Each structure stands twice: as structure tokens, then as C-alpha cells.
């Protein structure tokens, strides 16, 4: 298991569209992923669970990845969680 920390940077937090991107990425991984926030945890298989974490800008999360290339995958997820998603760009 590899553990990494990330801070939500998107101004609107992790809402429907960013969570869909995260779930798509998480579902493609053959191992296990657990995202833990002050409000709870989810395994990145459900957009609704991800949204229900209430990940607002500035929230620090912990990402635990277990499986092949876990360190590289954890860093990839950190990068996604720290993305400034703008739909459309402003």
C-alpha cells in the first residue's frame, strides 16, 4: 500500500464533472483505491460517494493505493485531485 496526500484546488471543489473524471480513472485501476477526507471515505467507484465527501477547495485528503505500480498511480490521482477544473475555462 502506498499513501499520498492531496489538497483540493478547484475553486468549486469536487462536484459532478470532476468526480466523473476521477471515477473513470479510479475504475480503470486493477487494485484498490481509498480516498479519505475529514468527512469520510470512498473507494472511487461511485461518483455519488465521491461527491458526498463534500470536497471543497482547500480540503486535504489522503489517497491509499494498493496494487500494481501503486506509487505511480497514487501520484497520478494526486495530480487529478489537485487539478483546477474549469468548465468552461474562465
Protein backbone atom coordinates (compact mmCIF):
# COMPACT_ATOMS: atom_id res chain seq x y z
CA UNK A 1 0.00 0.00 0.00
CA UNK A 2 1.19 3.49 -0.87
CA UNK A 3 -0.30 6.60 0.74
CA UNK A 4 -0.23 10.16 -0.60
CA UNK A 5 -1.79 13.47 0.44
CA UNK A 6 -3.54 15.93 -1.86
CA UNK A 7 -5.26 19.28 -1.41
CA UNK A 8 -8.34 20.15 -3.45
CA UNK A 9 -7.52 23.19 -5.56
CA UNK A 10 -10.56 23.50 -7.79
CA UNK A 11 -12.48 26.66 -6.86
CA UNK A 12 -15.82 24.82 -6.94
CA UNK A 13 -14.47 21.73 -5.19
CA UNK A 14 -15.08 18.22 -6.49
CA UNK A 15 -18.56 18.31 -7.99
CA UNK A 16 -20.23 16.17 -10.71
CA UNK A 17 -17.87 16.66 -13.63
CA UNK A 18 -14.57 16.39 -11.74
CA UNK A 19 -15.87 13.39 -9.81
CA UNK A 20 -16.79 11.65 -13.09
CA UNK A 21 -13.19 12.11 -14.30
CA UNK A 22 -11.84 10.77 -11.00
CA UNK A 23 -14.18 7.76 -11.00
CA UNK A 24 -13.25 6.93 -14.60
CA UNK A 25 -9.56 6.95 -13.63
CA UNK A 26 -10.16 5.04 -10.39
CA UNK A 27 -12.28 2.37 -12.06
CA UNK A 28 -9.51 1.65 -14.57
CA UNK A 29 -7.07 0.67 -11.82
CA UNK A 30 -6.84 -3.10 -11.16
CA UNK A 31 -6.07 -2.64 -7.44
CA UNK A 32 -7.78 -0.85 -4.58
CA UNK A 33 -8.05 2.89 -4.00
CA UNK A 34 -9.33 4.54 -0.85
CA UNK A 35 -9.82 8.29 -0.56
CA UNK A 36 -10.17 9.64 2.97
CA UNK A 37 -11.30 13.16 3.85
CA UNK A 38 -12.35 14.74 7.16
CA UNK A 39 -15.94 13.92 6.16
CA UNK A 40 -15.47 10.21 5.38
CA UNK A 41 -14.01 7.76 2.87
CA UNK A 42 -14.82 6.31 -0.53
CA UNK A 43 -13.20 3.86 -2.93
CA UNK A 44 -13.51 5.86 -6.19
CA UNK A 45 -16.08 3.55 -7.75
CA UNK A 46 -19.09 5.81 -7.28
CA UNK A 47 -19.38 9.44 -8.35
CA UNK A 48 -22.14 9.95 -5.79
CA UNK A 49 -19.93 8.71 -2.94
CA UNK A 50 -17.14 10.97 -4.14
CA UNK A 51 -19.48 13.99 -4.26
CA UNK A 52 -20.90 13.13 -0.83
CA UNK A 53 -17.44 13.63 0.69
CA UNK A 54 -18.04 17.36 0.16
CA UNK A 55 -14.53 18.03 -1.10
CA UNK A 56 -14.28 21.81 -1.14
CA UNK A 57 -11.31 23.91 -2.18
CA UNK A 58 -8.58 23.61 0.44
CA UNK A 59 -9.69 20.23 1.80
CA UNK A 60 -6.78 17.86 2.44
CA UNK A 61 -7.34 14.22 1.54
CA UNK A 62 -5.36 11.01 1.85
CA UNK A 63 -5.20 8.60 -1.08
CA UNK A 64 -4.28 4.98 -0.39
CA UNK A 65 -3.45 2.78 -3.37
CA UNK A 66 -2.85 -0.97 -3.16
CA UNK A 67 -1.87 -2.93 -6.26
CA UNK A 68 0.48 -2.77 -9.23
CA UNK A 69 2.52 0.43 -9.64
CA UNK A 70 0.74 1.84 -6.60
CA UNK A 71 3.16 4.73 -6.03
CA UNK A 72 2.93 5.98 -9.62
CA UNK A 73 -0.86 5.61 -9.63
CA UNK A 74 -1.20 7.44 -6.31
CA UNK A 75 0.80 10.36 -7.73
CA UNK A 76 -1.43 10.37 -10.82
CA UNK A 77 -4.52 10.61 -8.59
CA UNK A 78 -2.93 13.40 -6.51
CA UNK A 79 -2.40 15.32 -9.73
CA UNK A 80 -6.05 14.84 -10.71
CA UNK A 81 -7.41 15.83 -7.29
CA UNK A 82 -5.23 18.95 -7.38
CA UNK A 83 -6.37 19.97 -10.88
CA UNK A 84 -8.12 23.30 -11.37
CA UNK A 85 -11.15 22.03 -13.30
CA UNK A 86 -12.83 24.85 -15.18
CA UNK A 87 -15.91 24.06 -17.22
CA UNK A 88 -15.62 26.14 -19.35
CA UNK A 89 -12.28 27.85 -18.67
CA UNK A 90 -12.74 31.36 -17.27
